Amino acid sequence: MDLAGLIASYGYAAVFLGALLEGETVLALAGFAAHRGYLALDWVIATAIAGGVIGDHLAFAAGRRWGARLLARWPTLAAAAGAAAARLERHATWFILANRFMYGLRVAGPIAVGMSALPWRRFLALNLAGAVIWAVAIALIGYGFGEVLGRVLDDLRRAEAWVFGFGLAVVLAVLAVRLLRQRRR
């Protein structure tokens, strides 16, 4: 099976699993694959939204049920959850909406929210809105990268004869200078 076949067969599953965790790279690559025609952009976005919401709700539920134990077991998670809790206390709505864009807080953020007194329904609504913003933005970045890369490659194809000719002229000039120097010696 070639790369296109692998992407077509497993691309959406990879987007879902990537979005369950910290899936910016997977989502951007899926956006690029959508630009190339291997995946459908709307399905990439929908899959990322589903994976992101489910992943964050699993972390929220883990924080609600086992938060203190999780933080005691993993000190680095505890430090990140402490930073998340401080932001959550000051700006709960904005924090939940933007959590996906905050490096190092993607998992700790929902755990901290789960440990707080924030109602589940409010988290659901804000998390869903944040997932939509995140999935659309990152998938479109990947798609846009494909567009830019395609234009650059098209420009290179149009200019490749000129670039090749210029390179050949430079090589011939360097060889001619060396030959003249050798003859003078």
Foldseek 3Di string as FASTA:
>chain_A
DDPLVCCLVCLLVQLLVLLLDLNLPSLLQSLLCCLVVSDPLVSSLVSSLVSNLVSLVVLLVCLLPPVVVVCVVDVLLVVLLVVLLVVCVVPVLVCLLCVSVDPPCSSSNSSSVSNDPDDPVVSSVSNSNSSNVSSVVSSVNSNVVNVVVVVVVVVCVVCVVVVVVVVVVVVVVVVVVVVVVVVVD
